[in-house]
Amino acid sequence: MNLNIVADENMPLVEEIFSEFGSVKRVAGRNMSPADVCDADLLLVRSVTQVNELLLEKASPKFVGTATIGTDHIDTGYLQQQGIAFSSAPGCNADAVVEYVLSAIFHLAQTQGFDPAERTWGIIGVGNVGGRLQKRLRGLGYNVLINDPPREARGDDGFVTLDQLLSDADVVCMHTPLTREGDHPSYHLLAEPELKRLKPNTILLNAGRGPVINNADLLTLKKLRDDLTLILDVWEHEPVVDPELAAVTEIATPHIAGYSHDGKIRGTFMLYEACCQALGIQQTKTLDDFLPEPAIKQVMVNGDVTALDLIRLRYDPYRDDRDLRRTLDEEAQTRALSFDRLRKQYPQRREFSSLKVIGEMDESLQQQARALGFKVAADSKIP
């Protein structure tokens, strides 16, 4: 088989995973043009590429895939109309986003001097990411409120209203897709009226889509309420970050919450699986063929270790915060280029499950480590 494959330059291992299909051409995803894809048989993108009639006006791909959970950048109706097979990669980086959230809050807890277990957590959007976050938080024994009108409309239960969540939650985590139409649009889901309902000392975290929060309203409110703590990985006008909003944000990162090495490779591989199915080709590879061993795959601990100590062995969100802040004095166009550069040159980050913990731990730490997602040796107990 000799197909032409056009892929986002930041997508890992496309050549290795798709080698049996043909040759690969790498293109900058945000600047992908009709000329770049005119001869594409397979088109593989990420969230920064708008795939629509304009992009595909000169192309007739057999398959389009996005290595992301969200599909708001894909005109799926047009693809269907043209008979083009399509797949996203739901869940590919969900664990990475969950671990970004947990890392950020656990680091913040030490900085501000609170116990995450004593806070009420609210999750808005309980899909691939929000659902996994809910599971880990409840595994930790935390009190969790959830809001997801589309799921509730389908008959699922256990949800609270948005007003109740905003009024009662100490930590509010946004994990909705970006939708502008339908019964439950998420565009500017949190604007001035909703943001004003946040209780005192709330932590508001957005690692979903930037425009689900009206960033101008958020900045205005933050200027009036210094008690609020903001953690933002996504921004309304990416790749241009508002430096004034970033300046009042505790942790500001360049849309990298889902950028674990595991998640990126999983996303590419899920598109390989979907492509094989769409083209009627026998799958010959497995994900384990491509996941490398981590530099640190096992750690021996003693009774003094904390959950945050384990988290730090995998991820420190303040590192990404510092990298983004170094770019905020640049002109807008340069900031946009720097934003994409940080994403393109993102260092390898492994997920919690790639670390095995052995040694002496009390039952509380064992339970926390397992709930967070680390592998814990069965005999790692304090006698």
Protein backbone atom coordinates (compact mmCIF):
# COMPACT_ATOMS: atom_id res chain seq x y z
CA MET A 1 0.00 0.00 0.00
CA ASN A 2 1.36 3.42 -0.91
CA LEU A 3 -0.88 6.15 0.48
CA ASN A 4 -0.02 9.78 1.04
CA ILE A 5 -0.29 10.63 4.73
CA VAL A 6 -0.39 14.25 5.91
CA ALA A 7 0.07 14.66 9.66
CA ASP A 8 0.40 17.41 12.24
CA GLU A 9 4.09 17.99 12.92
CA ASN A 10 3.53 17.53 16.67
CA MET A 11 1.91 14.10 16.44
CA PRO A 12 4.35 11.45 17.70
CA LEU A 13 5.37 8.22 15.98
CA VAL A 14 3.22 8.66 12.89
CA GLU A 15 5.98 7.28 10.66
CA GLU A 16 6.52 4.25 12.90
CA ILE A 17 2.85 3.44 13.49
CA PHE A 18 1.57 4.18 9.96
CA SER A 19 4.60 2.88 8.05
CA GLU A 20 2.63 0.08 6.39
CA PHE A 21 0.25 2.60 4.79
CA GLY A 22 2.74 4.75 2.88
CA SER A 23 4.78 7.95 3.16
CA VAL A 24 4.24 10.71 5.73
CA LYS A 25 4.42 14.48 5.19
CA ARG A 26 4.60 16.62 8.33
CA VAL A 27 2.84 20.00 8.38
CA ALA A 28 2.44 22.73 11.02
CA GLY A 29 -1.08 22.07 12.26
CA ARG A 30 -2.20 25.64 12.91
CA ASN A 31 -1.10 26.76 9.44
CA MET A 32 -2.27 23.72 7.45
CA SER A 33 -3.55 24.86 4.03
CA PRO A 34 -5.47 23.34 1.09
CA ALA A 35 -2.15 23.05 -0.78
CA ASP A 36 -0.70 20.98 2.09
CA VAL A 37 -3.48 18.40 1.95
CA CYS A 38 -4.42 18.35 -1.75
CA ASP A 39 -2.90 14.90 -2.33
CA ALA A 40 -3.65 13.42 1.12
CA ASP A 41 -5.15 9.97 1.31
CA LEU A 42 -4.98 10.05 5.12
CA LEU A 43 -5.17 13.30 7.10
CA LEU A 44 -4.13 13.22 10.76
CA VAL A 45 -4.59 16.39 12.82
CA ARG A 46 -4.82 17.80 16.33
CA SER A 47 -7.06 20.47 17.84
CA VAL A 48 -5.30 23.44 16.20
CA THR A 49 -6.37 22.48 12.65
CA GLN A 50 -9.80 23.44 11.33
CA VAL A 51 -10.88 20.60 9.03
CA ASN A 52 -13.73 21.81 6.82
CA GLU A 53 -14.74 22.37 3.22
CA LEU A 54 -12.25 25.22 2.88
CA LEU A 55 -9.30 23.04 3.87
CA LEU A 56 -10.43 20.06 1.80
CA GLU A 57 -11.58 21.96 -1.32
CA LYS A 58 -8.84 20.33 -3.42
CA ALA A 59 -8.55 17.07 -1.49
CA SER A 60 -10.31 13.71 -1.42
CA PRO A 61 -8.92 11.86 1.60
CA LYS A 62 -10.11 8.38 2.43
CA PHE A 63 -9.76 8.99 6.16
CA VAL A 64 -9.51 11.97 8.51
CA GLY A 65 -8.49 11.48 12.12
CA THR A 66 -7.93 13.85 15.02
CA ALA A 67 -5.75 12.65 17.89
CA THR A 68 -7.93 14.52 20.38
CA ILE A 69 -11.04 13.99 22.46
CA GLY A 70 -12.77 17.13 21.23
CA THR A 71 -14.08 17.48 17.68
CA ASP A 72 -15.24 21.11 17.61
CA HIS A 73 -12.48 21.83 15.05
CA ILE A 74 -13.87 19.21 12.64
CA ASP A 75 -16.82 19.74 10.29
CA THR A 76 -18.08 16.20 10.72
CA GLY A 77 -21.21 16.93 8.69
CA TYR A 78 -19.11 17.87 5.67
CA LEU A 79 -16.95 14.75 6.03
CA GLN A 80 -20.06 12.57 6.18
CA GLN A 81 -21.53 14.31 3.16
CA GLN A 82 -18.33 13.63 1.20
CA GLY A 83 -18.16 9.99 2.31
CA ILE A 84 -14.88 10.53 4.16
CA ALA A 85 -14.26 8.16 7.07
CA PHE A 86 -13.55 9.97 10.33
CA SER A 87 -12.39 9.16 13.83
CA SER A 88 -11.36 11.08 16.91
CA ALA A 89 -9.43 9.59 19.81
CA PRO A 90 -11.77 9.84 22.81
CA GLY A 91 -9.99 9.15 26.04
CA CYS A 92 -6.50 9.11 24.55
CA ASN A 93 -5.21 11.84 26.86
CA ALA A 94 -7.97 11.85 29.46
CA ASP A 95 -5.73 10.42 32.17
CA ALA A 96 -3.10 13.07 31.41
CA VAL A 97 -5.65 15.87 31.89
CA VAL A 98 -6.89 14.29 35.13
CA GLU A 99 -3.32 14.11 36.40
CA TYR A 100 -2.73 17.75 35.44
CA VAL A 101 -5.73 18.67 37.62
CA LEU A 102 -4.59 16.54 40.55
CA SER A 103 -1.01 17.78 40.29
CA ALA A 104 -2.09 21.41 40.17
CA ILE A 105 -4.42 21.13 43.17
CA PHE A 106 -2.00 19.10 45.30
CA HIS A 107 0.82 21.58 44.59
CA LEU A 108 -1.52 24.49 45.31
CA ALA A 109 -2.67 22.86 48.54
CA GLN A 110 0.88 22.91 49.84
CA THR A 111 1.37 26.53 48.73
CA GLN A 112 -1.89 27.76 50.30
CA GLY A 113 -1.87 25.40 53.27
CA PHE A 114 -5.09 23.44 52.85
CA ASP A 115 -6.05 19.76 52.70
CA PRO A 116 -7.62 18.75 49.33
CA ALA A 117 -9.67 16.15 51.21
CA GLU A 118 -11.46 18.89 53.13
CA ARG A 119 -12.64 20.71 50.01
CA THR A 120 -15.82 20.03 48.03
CA TRP A 121 -14.94 19.38 44.40
CA GLY A 122 -17.22 20.30 41.49
CA ILE A 123 -16.84 18.87 37.98
CA ILE A 124 -18.64 20.54 35.07
CA GLY A 125 -18.70 18.10 32.16
CA VAL A 126 -18.48 14.43 33.17
CA GLY A 127 -17.32 12.75 29.96
CA ASN A 128 -14.01 11.04 29.25
CA VAL A 129 -11.99 13.44 31.39
CA GLY A 130 -14.54 14.54 33.98
CA GLY A 131 -15.72 10.98 34.55
CA ARG A 132 -12.19 9.74 35.21
CA LEU A 133 -11.50 12.68 37.50
CA GLN A 134 -14.67 11.88 39.42
CA LYS A 135 -13.58 8.25 39.83
CA ARG A 136 -10.14 9.18 41.18
CA LEU A 137 -11.51 11.82 43.54
CA ARG A 138 -14.08 9.42 44.95
CA GLY A 139 -11.35 6.80 45.27
CA LEU A 140 -9.55 9.34 47.45
CA GLY A 141 -12.70 9.68 49.53
CA TYR A 142 -13.41 13.29 48.49
CA ASN A 143 -16.82 14.93 48.28
CA VAL A 144 -17.63 15.49 44.58
CA LEU A 145 -20.49 17.37 42.90
CA ILE A 146 -21.09 16.79 39.18
CA ASN A 147 -22.95 18.75 36.52
CA ASP A 148 -23.61 17.49 32.99
CA PRO A 149 -27.00 18.47 31.48
CA PRO A 150 -26.56 16.37 28.28
CA ARG A 151 -25.94 13.23 30.34
CA GLU A 152 -28.75 14.08 32.72
CA ALA A 153 -31.09 14.51 29.74
CA ARG A 154 -30.18 10.98 28.64
CA GLY A 155 -31.41 9.62 31.96
CA ASP A 156 -28.22 9.43 34.02
CA ASP A 157 -28.53 10.52 37.63
CA GLY A 158 -26.45 11.95 40.46
CA PHE A 159 -26.14 15.44 38.99
CA VAL A 160 -26.67 18.86 40.54
CA THR A 161 -27.60 22.11 38.82
CA LEU A 162 -24.90 24.49 37.66
CA ASP A 163 -26.10 27.07 40.21
CA GLN A 164 -25.78 24.59 43.06
CA LEU A 165 -22.33 23.45 42.00
CA LEU A 166 -21.01 27.00 41.67
CA SER A 167 -22.48 27.91 45.05
CA ASP A 168 -21.25 24.84 46.95
CA ALA A 169 -17.96 23.70 45.39
CA ASP A 170 -14.58 24.87 46.71
CA VAL A 171 -12.78 23.57 43.61
CA VAL A 172 -14.55 23.97 40.24
CA CYS A 173 -13.09 21.97 37.33
CA MET A 174 -14.22 22.65 33.74
CA HIS A 175 -14.16 19.65 31.38
CA THR A 176 -16.86 20.33 28.81
CA PRO A 177 -16.43 20.15 25.04
CA LEU A 178 -16.95 23.42 23.17
CA THR A 179 -20.41 23.61 21.62
CA ARG A 180 -22.23 26.68 20.35
CA GLU A 181 -25.57 25.18 19.36
CA GLY A 182 -28.07 22.61 20.59
CA ASP A 183 -29.95 22.35 23.86
CA HIS A 184 -26.88 22.77 26.07
CA PRO A 185 -24.25 25.01 24.40
CA SER A 186 -21.06 25.37 26.41
CA TYR A 187 -19.74 28.56 24.79
CA HIS A 188 -19.40 31.14 27.59
CA LEU A 189 -21.07 28.69 29.96
CA LEU A 190 -19.46 30.71 32.72
CA ALA A 191 -19.92 34.44 32.14
CA GLU A 192 -20.51 37.30 34.57
CA PRO A 193 -23.78 35.97 36.13
CA GLU A 194 -22.40 32.49 36.73
CA LEU A 195 -18.94 33.61 37.85
CA LYS A 196 -20.47 35.87 40.49
CA ARG A 197 -22.00 32.78 42.11
CA LEU A 198 -18.61 31.30 42.97
CA LYS A 199 -18.33 30.97 46.74
CA PRO A 200 -15.52 32.75 48.64
CA ASN A 201 -12.02 31.29 48.17
CA THR A 202 -13.03 29.10 45.23
CA ILE A 203 -10.38 27.54 43.01
CA LEU A 204 -11.52 27.68 39.36
CA LEU A 205 -9.65 25.38 36.98
CA ASN A 206 -10.19 25.13 33.22
CA ALA A 207 -8.45 22.35 31.34
CA GLY A 208 -11.20 21.83 28.76
CA ARG A 209 -11.78 24.53 26.15
CA GLY A 210 -10.93 28.20 26.60
CA PRO A 211 -14.18 29.79 25.35
CA VAL A 212 -16.38 27.92 27.84
CA ILE A 213 -15.42 30.75 30.21
CA ASN A 214 -15.83 34.37 29.15
CA ASN A 215 -12.23 35.42 29.76
CA ALA A 216 -13.02 39.16 29.82
CA ASP A 217 -15.68 38.63 32.50
CA LEU A 218 -13.30 36.39 34.43
CA LEU A 219 -10.60 39.06 34.45
CA THR A 220 -13.08 41.70 35.59
CA LEU A 221 -14.28 39.49 38.44
CA LYS A 222 -10.77 38.54 39.52
CA LYS A 223 -9.87 42.22 39.86
CA LEU A 224 -12.81 42.60 42.26
CA ARG A 225 -12.33 39.31 44.12
CA ASP A 226 -8.80 38.52 45.13
CA ASP A 227 -10.08 35.51 47.09
CA LEU A 228 -10.52 33.51 43.86
CA THR A 229 -7.68 31.30 42.65
CA LEU A 230 -7.43 30.62 38.90
CA ILE A 231 -5.72 27.71 37.18
CA LEU A 232 -5.96 28.02 33.39
CA ASP A 233 -4.52 25.69 30.80
CA VAL A 234 -6.81 26.89 28.01
CA TRP A 235 -7.56 30.42 26.81
CA GLU A 236 -10.35 32.04 24.86
CA HIS A 237 -8.21 33.43 22.05
CA GLU A 238 -5.47 30.83 21.66
CA PRO A 239 -2.70 30.94 20.66
CA VAL A 240 -2.76 34.53 21.96
CA VAL A 241 -2.87 34.51 25.76
CA ASP A 242 -4.16 37.61 27.52
CA PRO A 243 -1.15 38.65 29.63
CA GLU A 244 -3.37 40.60 32.03
CA LEU A 245 -5.46 37.51 32.77
CA ALA A 246 -2.38 35.30 33.03
CA ALA A 247 -0.87 37.75 35.52
CA VAL A 248 -3.73 37.13 37.96
CA THR A 249 -3.77 33.36 37.36
CA GLU A 250 -2.02 31.16 39.93
CA ILE A 251 -1.06 28.49 37.38
CA ALA A 252 -1.06 29.48 33.70
CA THR A 253 -0.04 26.87 31.13
CA PRO A 254 -0.10 26.66 27.29
CA HIS A 255 -2.85 24.09 26.64
CA ILE A 256 -0.68 21.12 27.63
CA ALA A 257 -2.84 19.41 30.28
CA GLY A 258 -3.27 16.40 28.00
CA TYR A 259 0.32 16.39 26.74
CA SER A 260 1.60 13.24 28.43
CA HIS A 261 3.88 11.13 26.27
CA ASP A 262 1.58 8.18 26.90
CA GLY A 263 -1.49 10.13 25.79
CA LYS A 264 0.12 11.44 22.62
CA ILE A 265 1.24 7.98 21.52
CA ARG A 266 -2.15 6.53 22.50
CA GLY A 267 -3.84 9.16 20.32
CA THR A 268 -1.76 8.28 17.27
CA PHE A 269 -2.34 4.59 17.85
CA MET A 270 -6.11 5.00 18.22
CA LEU A 271 -6.16 6.66 14.79
CA TYR A 272 -4.17 3.72 13.41
CA GLU A 273 -6.79 1.34 14.79
CA ALA A 274 -9.65 3.40 13.35
CA CYS A 275 -7.89 3.71 9.99
CA CYS A 276 -7.38 -0.05 9.77
CA GLN A 277 -11.07 -0.57 10.45
CA ALA A 278 -12.17 2.09 7.94
CA LEU A 279 -9.95 0.72 5.16
CA GLY A 280 -10.59 -2.94 5.95
CA ILE A 281 -6.95 -3.63 6.80
CA GLN A 282 -5.78 -6.24 9.31
CA GLN A 283 -4.21 -4.56 12.36
CA THR A 284 -0.64 -5.80 12.90
CA LYS A 285 0.56 -3.67 15.82
CA THR A 286 -0.29 -3.09 19.49
CA LEU A 287 0.07 0.00 21.66
CA ASP A 288 2.66 -1.75 23.84
CA ASP A 289 4.93 -1.93 20.80
CA PHE A 290 5.40 1.84 21.02
CA LEU A 291 5.24 2.89 24.70
CA PRO A 292 8.86 3.29 25.91
CA GLU A 293 10.04 2.46 29.40
CA PRO A 294 10.12 5.59 31.57
CA ALA A 295 13.44 6.95 32.82
CA ILE A 296 12.20 6.27 36.38
CA LYS A 297 9.84 3.33 36.44
CA GLN A 298 10.08 2.31 40.11
CA VAL A 299 10.71 4.12 43.37
CA MET A 300 11.35 2.78 46.88
CA VAL A 301 9.89 4.93 49.63
CA ASN A 302 9.88 5.08 53.42
CA GLY A 303 7.18 6.06 55.86
CA ASP A 304 7.81 9.80 55.49
CA VAL A 305 6.79 10.11 51.84
CA THR A 306 3.63 12.01 50.87
CA ALA A 307 1.27 11.80 47.92
CA LEU A 308 2.69 15.10 46.63
CA ASP A 309 6.19 13.59 46.70
CA LEU A 310 4.98 10.86 44.35
CA ILE A 311 3.17 13.35 42.10
CA ARG A 312 6.36 15.42 41.77
CA LEU A 313 8.18 12.40 40.35
CA ARG A 314 5.85 12.64 37.37
CA TYR A 315 4.73 16.25 36.99
CA ASP A 316 5.20 19.79 38.33
CA PRO A 317 2.73 22.24 36.70
CA TYR A 318 4.72 25.23 37.94
CA ARG A 319 7.45 24.32 35.45
CA ASP A 320 5.02 24.85 32.57
CA ASP A 321 3.70 27.98 34.29
CA ARG A 322 7.18 29.48 34.38
CA ASP A 323 7.78 28.66 30.71
CA LEU A 324 4.58 30.41 29.63
CA ARG A 325 5.17 33.48 31.80
CA ARG A 326 8.54 34.07 30.16
CA THR A 327 6.66 34.80 26.92
CA LEU A 328 4.01 37.20 28.22
CA ASP A 329 5.99 40.44 27.69
CA GLU A 330 6.28 39.75 23.95
CA GLU A 331 4.11 41.32 21.26
CA ALA A 332 0.86 39.47 20.52
CA GLN A 333 2.10 37.81 17.33
CA THR A 334 5.31 36.68 19.00
CA ARG A 335 3.36 35.41 22.01
CA ALA A 336 1.26 33.29 19.68
CA LEU A 337 4.39 31.78 18.11
CA SER A 338 5.87 31.15 21.55
CA PHE A 339 2.64 29.47 22.69
CA ASP A 340 2.86 26.99 19.81
CA ARG A 341 6.61 26.54 20.32
CA LEU A 342 6.05 25.51 23.93
CA ARG A 343 3.56 22.91 22.76
CA LYS A 344 5.77 21.68 19.93
CA GLN A 345 8.87 21.39 22.11
CA TYR A 346 7.07 20.05 25.16
CA PRO A 347 9.32 17.78 27.26
CA GLN A 348 8.42 14.14 27.76
CA ARG A 349 5.97 13.67 30.62
CA ARG A 350 4.84 10.22 31.73
CA GLU A 351 1.55 9.29 33.39
CA PHE A 352 1.21 8.20 37.01
CA SER A 353 0.53 4.58 36.01
CA SER A 354 4.06 4.31 34.60
CA LEU A 355 5.53 4.56 38.12
CA LYS A 356 5.59 1.61 40.52
CA VAL A 357 5.90 2.42 44.22
CA ILE A 358 7.50 -0.04 46.62
CA GLY A 359 8.67 0.20 50.23
CA GLU A 360 7.14 1.14 53.56
CA MET A 361 3.78 2.93 53.41
CA ASP A 362 0.91 3.16 55.85
CA GLU A 363 -2.54 2.17 54.68
CA SER A 364 -3.58 5.79 54.11
CA LEU A 365 -0.72 6.52 51.72
CA GLN A 366 -1.22 3.20 49.93
CA GLN A 367 -4.86 4.06 49.37
CA GLN A 368 -4.01 7.57 48.15
CA ALA A 369 -1.30 6.34 45.79
CA ARG A 370 -3.58 3.74 44.21
CA ALA A 371 -6.49 6.17 43.91
CA LEU A 372 -4.23 8.74 42.25
CA GLY A 373 -3.22 6.15 39.66
CA PHE A 374 0.22 4.93 40.73
CA LYS A 375 1.09 1.24 40.76
CA VAL A 376 1.67 0.08 44.33
CA ALA A 377 3.44 -3.17 45.21
CA ALA A 378 1.17 -5.52 47.13
CA ASP A 379 3.68 -5.91 50.00
CA SER A 380 4.42 -2.17 50.45
CA LYS A 381 3.13 -1.86 53.99
CA ILE A 382 4.58 -0.64 57.25
CA PRO A 383 4.82 -3.73 59.48
